[in-house]
All heavy atoms as atom14 arrays in JSON, in Angstrom:
{
  "sequence": "ELSKAREYLADGSHSSWHGFRQFFVPKMRHGKALPPHRKWIENVFI",
  "atom14_mask": [
    [1, 1, 1, 1, 1, 1, 1, 1, 1, 0, 0, 0, 0, 0],
    [1, 1, 1, 1, 1, 1, 1, 1, 0, 0, 0, 0, 0, 0],
    [1, 1, 1, 1, 1, 1, 0, 0, 0, 0, 0, 0, 0, 0],
    [1, 1, 1, 1, 1, 1, 1, 1, 1, 0, 0, 0, 0, 0],
    [1, 1, 1, 1, 1, 0, 0, 0, 0, 0, 0, 0, 0, 0],
    [1, 1, 1, 1, 1, 1, 1, 1, 1, 1, 1, 0, 0, 0],
    [1, 1, 1, 1, 1, 1, 1, 1, 1, 0, 0, 0, 0, 0],
    [1, 1, 1, 1, 1, 1, 1, 1, 1, 1, 1, 1, 0, 0],
    [1, 1, 1, 1, 1, 1, 1, 1, 0, 0, 0, 0, 0, 0],
    [1, 1, 1, 1, 1, 0, 0, 0, 0, 0, 0, 0, 0, 0],
    [1, 1, 1, 1, 1, 1, 1, 1, 0, 0, 0, 0, 0, 0],
    [1, 1, 1, 1, 0, 0, 0, 0, 0, 0, 0, 0, 0, 0],
    [1, 1, 1, 1, 1, 1, 0, 0, 0, 0, 0, 0, 0, 0],
    [1, 1, 1, 1, 1, 1, 1, 1, 1, 1, 0, 0, 0, 0],
    [1, 1, 1, 1, 1, 1, 0, 0, 0, 0, 0, 0, 0, 0],
    [1, 1, 1, 1, 1, 1, 0, 0, 0, 0, 0, 0, 0, 0],
    [1, 1, 1, 1, 1, 1, 1, 1, 1, 1, 1, 1, 1, 1],
    [1, 1, 1, 1, 1, 1, 1, 1, 1, 1, 0, 0, 0, 0],
    [1, 1, 1, 1, 0, 0, 0, 0, 0, 0, 0, 0, 0, 0],
    [1, 1, 1, 1, 1, 1, 1, 1, 1, 1, 1, 0, 0, 0],
    [1, 1, 1, 1, 1, 1, 1, 1, 1, 1, 1, 0, 0, 0],
    [1, 1, 1, 1, 1, 1, 1, 1, 1, 0, 0, 0, 0, 0],
    [1, 1, 1, 1, 1, 1, 1, 1, 1, 1, 1, 0, 0, 0],
    [1, 1, 1, 1, 1, 1, 1, 1, 1, 1, 1, 0, 0, 0],
    [1, 1, 1, 1, 1, 1, 1, 0, 0, 0, 0, 0, 0, 0],
    [1, 1, 1, 1, 1, 1, 1, 0, 0, 0, 0, 0, 0, 0],
    [1, 1, 1, 1, 1, 1, 1, 1, 1, 0, 0, 0, 0, 0],
    [1, 1, 1, 1, 1, 1, 1, 1, 0, 0, 0, 0, 0, 0],
    [1, 1, 1, 1, 1, 1, 1, 1, 1, 1, 1, 0, 0, 0],
    [1, 1, 1, 1, 1, 1, 1, 1, 1, 1, 0, 0, 0, 0],
    [1, 1, 1, 1, 0, 0, 0, 0, 0, 0, 0, 0, 0, 0],
    [1, 1, 1, 1, 1, 1, 1, 1, 1, 0, 0, 0, 0, 0],
    [1, 1, 1, 1, 1, 0, 0, 0, 0, 0, 0, 0, 0, 0],
    [1, 1, 1, 1, 1, 1, 1, 1, 0, 0, 0, 0, 0, 0],
    [1, 1, 1, 1, 1, 1, 1, 0, 0, 0, 0, 0, 0, 0],
    [1, 1, 1, 1, 1, 1, 1, 0, 0, 0, 0, 0, 0, 0],
    [1, 1, 1, 1, 1, 1, 1, 1, 1, 1, 0, 0, 0, 0],
    [1, 1, 1, 1, 1, 1, 1, 1, 1, 1, 1, 0, 0, 0],
    [1, 1, 1, 1, 1, 1, 1, 1, 1, 0, 0, 0, 0, 0],
    [1, 1, 1, 1, 1, 1, 1, 1, 1, 1, 1, 1, 1, 1],
    [1, 1, 1, 1, 1, 1, 1, 1, 0, 0, 0, 0, 0, 0],
    [1, 1, 1, 1, 1, 1, 1, 1, 1, 0, 0, 0, 0, 0],
    [1, 1, 1, 1, 1, 1, 1, 1, 0, 0, 0, 0, 0, 0],
    [1, 1, 1, 1, 1, 1, 1, 0, 0, 0, 0, 0, 0, 0],
    [1, 1, 1, 1, 1, 1, 1, 1, 1, 1, 1, 0, 0, 0],
    [1, 1, 1, 1, 1, 1, 1, 1, 0, 0, 0, 0, 0, 0]
  ],
  "atom14_positions": [
    [[3.07, -69.16, -21.22], [3.04, -69.96, -22.47], [1.63, -70.49, -22.67], [1.13, -70.48, -23.85], [3.97, -71.13, -22.33], [5.43, -70.72, -22.36], [6.4, -71.88, -22.14], [5.94, -73.02, -22.01], [7.6, -71.63, -22.02], [0.0, 0.0, 0.0], [0.0, 0.0, 0.0], [0.0, 0.0, 0.0], [0.0, 0.0, 0.0], [0.0, 0.0, 0.0]],
    [[0.99, -70.94, -21.65], [-0.4, -71.4, -21.83], [-1.37, -70.33, -22.25], [-2.24, -70.55, -23.11], [-0.9, -72.06, -20.45], [-0.36, -73.47, -20.17], [-0.66, -73.86, -18.74], [-0.96, -74.48, -21.2], [0.0, 0.0, 0.0], [0.0, 0.0, 0.0], [0.0, 0.0, 0.0], [0.0, 0.0, 0.0], [0.0, 0.0, 0.0], [0.0, 0.0, 0.0]],
    [[-1.23, -69.14, -21.71], [-2.11, -68.1, -22.11], [-1.82, -67.66, -23.56], [-2.78, -67.36, -24.32], [-1.92, -66.82, -21.2], [-0.65, -66.22, -21.41], [0.0, 0.0, 0.0], [0.0, 0.0, 0.0], [0.0, 0.0, 0.0], [0.0, 0.0, 0.0], [0.0, 0.0, 0.0], [0.0, 0.0, 0.0], [0.0, 0.0, 0.0], [0.0, 0.0, 0.0]],
    [[-0.61, -67.68, -24.05], [-0.27, -67.4, -25.44], [-0.92, -68.45, -26.36], [-1.43, -68.14, -27.38], [1.18, -67.35, -25.69], [1.8, -66.06, -25.15], [3.3, -65.98, -25.4], [3.88, -64.77, -24.74], [5.31, -64.7, -24.93], [0.0, 0.0, 0.0], [0.0, 0.0, 0.0], [0.0, 0.0, 0.0], [0.0, 0.0, 0.0], [0.0, 0.0, 0.0]],
    [[-0.86, -69.73, -25.95], [-1.38, -70.8, -26.72], [-2.94, -70.67, -26.83], [-3.55, -70.82, -27.89], [-1.03, -72.16, -26.13], [0.0, 0.0, 0.0], [0.0, 0.0, 0.0], [0.0, 0.0, 0.0], [0.0, 0.0, 0.0], [0.0, 0.0, 0.0], [0.0, 0.0, 0.0], [0.0, 0.0, 0.0], [0.0, 0.0, 0.0], [0.0, 0.0, 0.0]],
    [[-3.56, -70.34, -25.7], [-5.03, -70.2, -25.72], [-5.47, -68.96, -26.54], [-6.48, -68.98, -27.22], [-5.56, -70.11, -24.29], [-5.43, -71.46, -23.59], [-6.15, -71.5, -22.25], [-6.0, -72.82, -21.64], [-5.27, -73.12, -20.62], [-4.56, -72.17, -20.04], [-5.24, -74.34, -20.2], [0.0, 0.0, 0.0], [0.0, 0.0, 0.0], [0.0, 0.0, 0.0]],
    [[-4.64, -67.89, -26.44], [-4.96, -66.7, -27.34], [-4.81, -67.08, -28.73], [-5.57, -66.62, -29.62], [-4.07, -65.55, -26.91], [-4.4, -64.9, -25.57], [-3.39, -63.85, -25.21], [-2.58, -63.4, -26.08], [-3.39, -63.44, -24.03], [0.0, 0.0, 0.0], [0.0, 0.0, 0.0], [0.0, 0.0, 0.0], [0.0, 0.0, 0.0], [0.0, 0.0, 0.0]],
    [[-3.78, -67.87, -29.07], [-3.59, -68.25, -30.47], [-4.76, -69.07, -30.98], [-5.29, -68.86, -32.13], [-2.31, -69.09, -30.63], [-2.11, -69.64, -32.04], [-1.76, -68.8, -33.06], [-2.34, -70.98, -32.31], [-1.58, -69.26, -34.32], [-2.19, -71.46, -33.59], [-1.81, -70.62, -34.58], [-1.64, -71.05, -35.89], [0.0, 0.0, 0.0], [0.0, 0.0, 0.0]],
    [[-5.28, -69.96, -30.15], [-6.47, -70.73, -30.55], [-7.69, -69.85, -30.7], [-8.54, -70.09, -31.54], [-6.68, -71.84, -29.55], [-5.7, -73.02, -29.58], [-6.01, -74.01, -28.46], [-5.68, -73.72, -30.91], [0.0, 0.0, 0.0], [0.0, 0.0, 0.0], [0.0, 0.0, 0.0], [0.0, 0.0, 0.0], [0.0, 0.0, 0.0], [0.0, 0.0, 0.0]],
    [[-7.82, -68.87, -29.83], [-9.0, -68.03, -29.89], [-9.02, -67.04, -31.04], [-9.99, -66.94, -31.74], [-9.08, -67.23, -28.53], [0.0, 0.0, 0.0], [0.0, 0.0, 0.0], [0.0, 0.0, 0.0], [0.0, 0.0, 0.0], [0.0, 0.0, 0.0], [0.0, 0.0, 0.0], [0.0, 0.0, 0.0], [0.0, 0.0, 0.0], [0.0, 0.0, 0.0]],
    [[-7.9, -66.3, -31.23], [-7.93, -65.26, -32.24], [-6.73, -65.29, -33.19], [-6.62, -64.37, -34.04], [-8.08, -63.86, -31.56], [-6.94, -63.56, -30.66], [-5.95, -64.26, -30.64], [-7.1, -62.62, -29.9], [0.0, 0.0, 0.0], [0.0, 0.0, 0.0], [0.0, 0.0, 0.0], [0.0, 0.0, 0.0], [0.0, 0.0, 0.0], [0.0, 0.0, 0.0]],
    [[-5.83, -66.22, -33.09], [-4.71, -66.33, -34.03], [-3.53, -65.44, -33.72], [-2.53, -65.4, -34.4], [0.0, 0.0, 0.0], [0.0, 0.0, 0.0], [0.0, 0.0, 0.0], [0.0, 0.0, 0.0], [0.0, 0.0, 0.0], [0.0, 0.0, 0.0], [0.0, 0.0, 0.0], [0.0, 0.0, 0.0], [0.0, 0.0, 0.0], [0.0, 0.0, 0.0]],
    [[-3.58, -64.72, -32.58], [-2.47, -63.88, -32.19], [-1.31, -64.79, -31.67], [-1.48, -65.94, -31.33], [-2.82, -62.87, -31.12], [-3.3, -63.56, -29.96], [0.0, 0.0, 0.0], [0.0, 0.0, 0.0], [0.0, 0.0, 0.0], [0.0, 0.0, 0.0], [0.0, 0.0, 0.0], [0.0, 0.0, 0.0], [0.0, 0.0, 0.0], [0.0, 0.0, 0.0]],
    [[-0.09, -64.28, -31.67], [1.11, -64.94, -31.26], [1.54, -66.07, -32.22], [2.24, -66.99, -31.81], [1.0, -65.53, -29.84], [0.59, -64.59, -28.82], [1.39, -63.5, -28.48], [-0.51, -64.42, -28.05], [0.78, -62.77, -27.49], [-0.36, -63.32, -27.26], [0.0, 0.0, 0.0], [0.0, 0.0, 0.0], [0.0, 0.0, 0.0], [0.0, 0.0, 0.0]],
    [[1.07, -65.98, -33.44], [1.41, -67.1, -34.4], [2.91, -67.13, -34.72], [3.44, -68.17, -35.13], [0.61, -66.93, -35.74], [0.98, -65.78, -36.38], [0.0, 0.0, 0.0], [0.0, 0.0, 0.0], [0.0, 0.0, 0.0], [0.0, 0.0, 0.0], [0.0, 0.0, 0.0], [0.0, 0.0, 0.0], [0.0, 0.0, 0.0], [0.0, 0.0, 0.0]],
    [[3.67, -66.05, -34.54], [5.04, -66.06, -34.8], [5.88, -66.12, -33.55], [7.09, -65.85, -33.61], [5.45, -64.76, -35.62], [5.14, -63.65, -34.89], [0.0, 0.0, 0.0], [0.0, 0.0, 0.0], [0.0, 0.0, 0.0], [0.0, 0.0, 0.0], [0.0, 0.0, 0.0], [0.0, 0.0, 0.0], [0.0, 0.0, 0.0], [0.0, 0.0, 0.0]],
    [[5.32, -66.47, -32.42], [6.03, -66.57, -31.16], [7.05, -67.67, -31.25], [6.77, -68.75, -31.78], [5.02, -66.82, -30.02], [5.6, -66.94, -28.71], [6.45, -66.1, -28.05], [5.44, -68.09, -27.81], [6.78, -66.61, -26.84], [6.25, -67.83, -26.64], [4.77, -69.26, -27.9], [6.32, -68.71, -25.6], [4.84, -70.15, -26.85], [5.59, -69.87, -25.71]],
    [[8.18, -67.45, -30.7], [9.28, -68.47, -30.85], [8.98, -69.79, -30.19], [9.55, -70.82, -30.53], [10.64, -67.91, -30.3], [10.63, -67.65, -28.82], [10.31, -68.63, -27.93], [10.92, -66.56, -28.11], [10.39, -68.14, -26.67], [10.77, -66.89, -26.77], [0.0, 0.0, 0.0], [0.0, 0.0, 0.0], [0.0, 0.0, 0.0], [0.0, 0.0, 0.0]],
    [[8.11, -69.82, -29.2], [7.75, -71.05, -28.53], [6.99, -72.06, -29.41], [6.96, -73.23, -29.15], [0.0, 0.0, 0.0], [0.0, 0.0, 0.0], [0.0, 0.0, 0.0], [0.0, 0.0, 0.0], [0.0, 0.0, 0.0], [0.0, 0.0, 0.0], [0.0, 0.0, 0.0], [0.0, 0.0, 0.0], [0.0, 0.0, 0.0], [0.0, 0.0, 0.0]],
    [[6.39, -71.51, -30.5], [5.66, -72.39, -31.4], [6.52, -72.74, -32.6], [6.07, -73.48, -33.51], [4.43, -71.63, -31.95], [3.39, -71.29, -30.95], [2.6, -70.19, -31.1], [3.14, -72.12, -29.84], [1.61, -69.85, -30.11], [2.21, -71.79, -28.88], [1.44, -70.66, -29.06], [0.0, 0.0, 0.0], [0.0, 0.0, 0.0], [0.0, 0.0, 0.0]],
    [[7.78, -72.4, -32.58], [8.69, -72.63, -33.72], [8.91, -74.15, -33.93], [9.03, -74.89, -32.94], [9.99, -71.94, -33.46], [10.98, -71.92, -34.6], [12.2, -71.08, -34.29], [12.81, -71.53, -32.99], [13.24, -70.67, -32.1], [13.15, -69.41, -32.3], [13.68, -71.12, -30.93], [0.0, 0.0, 0.0], [0.0, 0.0, 0.0], [0.0, 0.0, 0.0]],
    [[9.02, -74.55, -35.16], [9.31, -75.96, -35.46], [10.73, -76.34, -35.03], [11.6, -75.52, -35.01], [9.12, -76.26, -36.96], [7.71, -76.15, -37.45], [7.28, -74.76, -37.75], [8.05, -73.78, -37.7], [5.97, -74.56, -38.03], [0.0, 0.0, 0.0], [0.0, 0.0, 0.0], [0.0, 0.0, 0.0], [0.0, 0.0, 0.0], [0.0, 0.0, 0.0]],
    [[10.88, -77.6, -34.7], [12.21, -78.06, -34.23], [13.29, -78.03, -35.29], [14.43, -77.66, -35.01], [12.12, -79.43, -33.64], [11.36, -79.49, -32.3], [10.19, -80.22, -32.19], [11.88, -78.84, -31.2], [9.53, -80.23, -30.98], [11.22, -78.86, -30.01], [10.03, -79.61, -29.87], [0.0, 0.0, 0.0], [0.0, 0.0, 0.0], [0.0, 0.0, 0.0]],
    [[12.96, -78.48, -36.49], [13.97, -78.71, -37.48], [13.88, -77.68, -38.67], [14.61, -76.74, -38.75], [13.97, -80.12, -38.03], [14.22, -81.13, -36.9], [13.17, -81.9, -36.43], [15.41, -81.21, -36.3], [13.31, -82.8, -35.41], [15.63, -82.17, -35.22], [14.58, -82.9, -34.81], [0.0, 0.0, 0.0], [0.0, 0.0, 0.0], [0.0, 0.0, 0.0]],
    [[12.89, -77.88, -39.47], [12.69, -77.04, -40.65], [11.31, -76.5, -40.62], [10.32, -77.23, -40.55], [12.95, -77.87, -41.98], [12.73, -76.98, -43.14], [14.33, -78.47, -41.93], [0.0, 0.0, 0.0], [0.0, 0.0, 0.0], [0.0, 0.0, 0.0], [0.0, 0.0, 0.0], [0.0, 0.0, 0.0], [0.0, 0.0, 0.0], [0.0, 0.0, 0.0]],
    [[11.18, -75.16, -40.74], [9.82, -74.55, -40.74], [9.1, -74.96, -42.05], [9.65, -75.04, -43.12], [10.09, -73.07, -40.66], [11.48, -72.87, -41.1], [12.22, -74.09, -40.79], [0.0, 0.0, 0.0], [0.0, 0.0, 0.0], [0.0, 0.0, 0.0], [0.0, 0.0, 0.0], [0.0, 0.0, 0.0], [0.0, 0.0, 0.0], [0.0, 0.0, 0.0]],
    [[7.85, -75.15, -41.86], [6.93, -75.45, -43.04], [6.77, -74.13, -43.81], [6.44, -73.13, -43.21], [5.64, -76.0, -42.6], [5.79, -77.4, -42.04], [4.41, -77.97, -41.71], [4.59, -79.33, -41.16], [3.3, -80.03, -40.96], [0.0, 0.0, 0.0], [0.0, 0.0, 0.0], [0.0, 0.0, 0.0], [0.0, 0.0, 0.0], [0.0, 0.0, 0.0]],
    [[6.94, -74.2, -45.14], [6.84, -73.03, -45.94], [5.77, -73.2, -47.05], [5.56, -74.34, -47.48], [8.2, -72.74, -46.64], [9.36, -72.64, -45.72], [9.4, -71.16, -44.74], [10.07, -70.02, -45.9], [0.0, 0.0, 0.0], [0.0, 0.0, 0.0], [0.0, 0.0, 0.0], [0.0, 0.0, 0.0], [0.0, 0.0, 0.0], [0.0, 0.0, 0.0]],
    [[5.18, -72.09, -47.36], [4.21, -72.07, -48.48], [4.34, -70.75, -49.16], [4.18, -69.68, -48.52], [2.79, -72.32, -48.03], [1.8, -72.3, -49.24], [0.42, -72.58, -48.84], [0.3, -73.98, -48.36], [-0.6, -74.35, -47.43], [-1.49, -73.49, -46.95], [-0.63, -75.59, -47.04], [0.0, 0.0, 0.0], [0.0, 0.0, 0.0], [0.0, 0.0, 0.0]],
    [[4.71, -70.76, -50.46], [4.89, -69.56, -51.23], [5.92, -68.65, -50.6], [5.73, -67.41, -50.58], [3.54, -68.81, -51.42], [2.46, -69.61, -52.02], [2.55, -70.16, -53.27], [1.24, -70.04, -51.47], [1.41, -70.87, -53.52], [0.62, -70.77, -52.45], [0.0, 0.0, 0.0], [0.0, 0.0, 0.0], [0.0, 0.0, 0.0], [0.0, 0.0, 0.0]],
    [[6.97, -69.25, -50.07], [8.05, -68.45, -49.5], [7.8, -67.89, -48.06], [8.65, -67.19, -47.55], [0.0, 0.0, 0.0], [0.0, 0.0, 0.0], [0.0, 0.0, 0.0], [0.0, 0.0, 0.0], [0.0, 0.0, 0.0], [0.0, 0.0, 0.0], [0.0, 0.0, 0.0], [0.0, 0.0, 0.0], [0.0, 0.0, 0.0], [0.0, 0.0, 0.0]],
    [[6.64, -68.17, -47.48], [6.35, -67.69, -46.17], [6.24, -68.88, -45.23], [5.69, -69.9, -45.59], [4.98, -66.91, -46.18], [5.1, -65.61, -46.94], [3.72, -64.93, -47.07], [3.12, -64.67, -45.74], [1.81, -63.98, -45.79], [0.0, 0.0, 0.0], [0.0, 0.0, 0.0], [0.0, 0.0, 0.0], [0.0, 0.0, 0.0], [0.0, 0.0, 0.0]],
    [[6.72, -68.64, -43.97], [6.6, -69.69, -42.92], [5.15, -69.8, -42.47], [4.51, -68.8, -42.24], [7.5, -69.37, -41.8], [0.0, 0.0, 0.0], [0.0, 0.0, 0.0], [0.0, 0.0, 0.0], [0.0, 0.0, 0.0], [0.0, 0.0, 0.0], [0.0, 0.0, 0.0], [0.0, 0.0, 0.0], [0.0, 0.0, 0.0], [0.0, 0.0, 0.0]],
    [[4.69, -70.99, -42.4], [3.29, -71.26, -41.99], [3.22, -71.17, -40.44], [4.14, -71.57, -39.71], [2.82, -72.61, -42.42], [2.64, -72.83, -43.9], [2.29, -74.28, -44.2], [1.55, -71.93, -44.46], [0.0, 0.0, 0.0], [0.0, 0.0, 0.0], [0.0, 0.0, 0.0], [0.0, 0.0, 0.0], [0.0, 0.0, 0.0], [0.0, 0.0, 0.0]],
    [[2.07, -70.72, -39.96], [1.88, -70.74, -38.49], [1.67, -72.14, -38.0], [1.42, -73.04, -38.83], [0.63, -69.85, -38.29], [-0.09, -69.96, -39.57], [0.99, -70.1, -40.65], [0.0, 0.0, 0.0], [0.0, 0.0, 0.0], [0.0, 0.0, 0.0], [0.0, 0.0, 0.0], [0.0, 0.0, 0.0], [0.0, 0.0, 0.0], [0.0, 0.0, 0.0]],
    [[1.81, -72.4, -36.7], [1.6, -73.68, -36.22], [0.16, -74.18, -36.42], [-0.77, -73.37, -36.45], [1.94, -73.62, -34.75], [1.78, -72.19, -34.42], [2.08, -71.45, -35.63], [0.0, 0.0, 0.0], [0.0, 0.0, 0.0], [0.0, 0.0, 0.0], [0.0, 0.0, 0.0], [0.0, 0.0, 0.0], [0.0, 0.0, 0.0], [0.0, 0.0, 0.0]],
    [[0.03, -75.49, -36.59], [-1.34, -76.03, -36.79], [-2.11, -75.99, -35.48], [-1.55, -76.29, -34.41], [-1.21, -77.51, -37.3], [-2.42, -77.99, -37.89], [-3.49, -78.47, -37.18], [-2.83, -78.09, -39.21], [-4.45, -78.88, -37.99], [-4.06, -78.65, -39.27], [0.0, 0.0, 0.0], [0.0, 0.0, 0.0], [0.0, 0.0, 0.0], [0.0, 0.0, 0.0]],
    [[-3.34, -75.63, -35.55], [-4.15, -75.49, -34.35], [-4.34, -76.77, -33.61], [-4.38, -76.79, -32.39], [-5.52, -74.87, -34.68], [-5.42, -73.44, -35.16], [-6.83, -72.87, -35.43], [-6.71, -71.52, -35.96], [-6.63, -70.45, -35.18], [-6.64, -70.61, -33.88], [-6.57, -69.24, -35.72], [0.0, 0.0, 0.0], [0.0, 0.0, 0.0], [0.0, 0.0, 0.0]],
    [[-4.43, -77.89, -34.3], [-4.56, -79.2, -33.64], [-3.3, -79.54, -32.83], [-3.36, -80.1, -31.82], [-4.85, -80.31, -34.64], [-6.24, -80.23, -35.28], [-7.29, -80.49, -34.24], [-8.65, -80.43, -34.92], [-9.72, -80.71, -33.94], [0.0, 0.0, 0.0], [0.0, 0.0, 0.0], [0.0, 0.0, 0.0], [0.0, 0.0, 0.0], [0.0, 0.0, 0.0]],
    [[-2.13, -79.15, -33.39], [-0.89, -79.38, -32.65], [-0.88, -78.56, -31.37], [-0.49, -79.14, -30.33], [0.34, -79.06, -33.55], [1.63, -79.23, -32.81], [2.29, -80.42, -32.68], [2.43, -78.29, -32.09], [3.42, -80.26, -31.94], [3.56, -78.92, -31.63], [2.29, -76.9, -31.89], [4.52, -78.31, -30.86], [3.24, -76.27, -31.18], [4.37, -76.97, -30.68]],
    [[-1.34, -77.34, -31.41], [-1.33, -76.49, -30.21], [-2.33, -77.1, -29.21], [-2.02, -77.24, -28.05], [-1.8, -75.04, -30.58], [-0.87, -74.4, -31.51], [-2.03, -74.29, -29.3], [0.54, -74.07, -30.92], [0.0, 0.0, 0.0], [0.0, 0.0, 0.0], [0.0, 0.0, 0.0], [0.0, 0.0, 0.0], [0.0, 0.0, 0.0], [0.0, 0.0, 0.0]],
    [[-3.43, -77.52, -29.72], [-4.49, -78.07, -28.86], [-4.18, -79.41, -28.28], [-4.44, -79.69, -27.12], [-5.8, -78.17, -29.65], [-7.01, -78.57, -28.91], [-8.24, -78.59, -29.8], [-8.35, -77.7, -30.7], [-9.08, -79.51, -29.65], [0.0, 0.0, 0.0], [0.0, 0.0, 0.0], [0.0, 0.0, 0.0], [0.0, 0.0, 0.0], [0.0, 0.0, 0.0]],
    [[-3.58, -80.33, -29.06], [-3.38, -81.7, -28.64], [-2.0, -82.0, -28.13], [-1.82, -83.06, -27.46], [-3.74, -82.64, -29.79], [-5.19, -82.57, -30.17], [-6.04, -82.36, -29.32], [-5.47, -82.7, -31.44], [0.0, 0.0, 0.0], [0.0, 0.0, 0.0], [0.0, 0.0, 0.0], [0.0, 0.0, 0.0], [0.0, 0.0, 0.0], [0.0, 0.0, 0.0]],
    [[-1.03, -81.14, -28.44], [0.36, -81.48, -28.04], [0.94, -80.42, -27.1], [1.33, -80.64, -26.0], [1.25, -81.68, -29.25], [2.7, -81.89, -28.84], [0.8, -82.79, -30.11], [0.0, 0.0, 0.0], [0.0, 0.0, 0.0], [0.0, 0.0, 0.0], [0.0, 0.0, 0.0], [0.0, 0.0, 0.0], [0.0, 0.0, 0.0], [0.0, 0.0, 0.0]],
    [[0.9, -79.12, -27.58], [1.57, -78.05, -26.84], [0.85, -77.78, -25.5], [1.52, -77.79, -24.46], [1.58, -76.82, -27.68], [2.32, -75.66, -27.06], [3.75, -75.6, -27.23], [1.71, -74.67, -26.34], [4.47, -74.61, -26.63], [2.42, -73.63, -25.79], [3.81, -73.63, -25.92], [0.0, 0.0, 0.0], [0.0, 0.0, 0.0], [0.0, 0.0, 0.0]],
    [[-0.43, -77.6, -25.51], [-1.14, -77.26, -24.29], [-1.11, -78.41, -23.3], [-0.75, -78.14, -22.06], [-2.58, -76.8, -24.56], [-2.55, -75.43, -25.24], [-3.41, -76.77, -23.27], [-3.91, -74.88, -25.64], [0.0, 0.0, 0.0], [0.0, 0.0, 0.0], [0.0, 0.0, 0.0], [0.0, 0.0, 0.0], [0.0, 0.0, 0.0], [0.0, 0.0, 0.0]]
  ]
}
């Protein structure tokens, strides 16, 4: 999980990985689910 998070921060890969999924309702823009915010990955997930 930590390696996926660090790869996401480095190059944006694994943005649709289920471990980054929102708890309740995914954030949407123009009908597409948004990837997780980088600050959330950096300050909360890791």
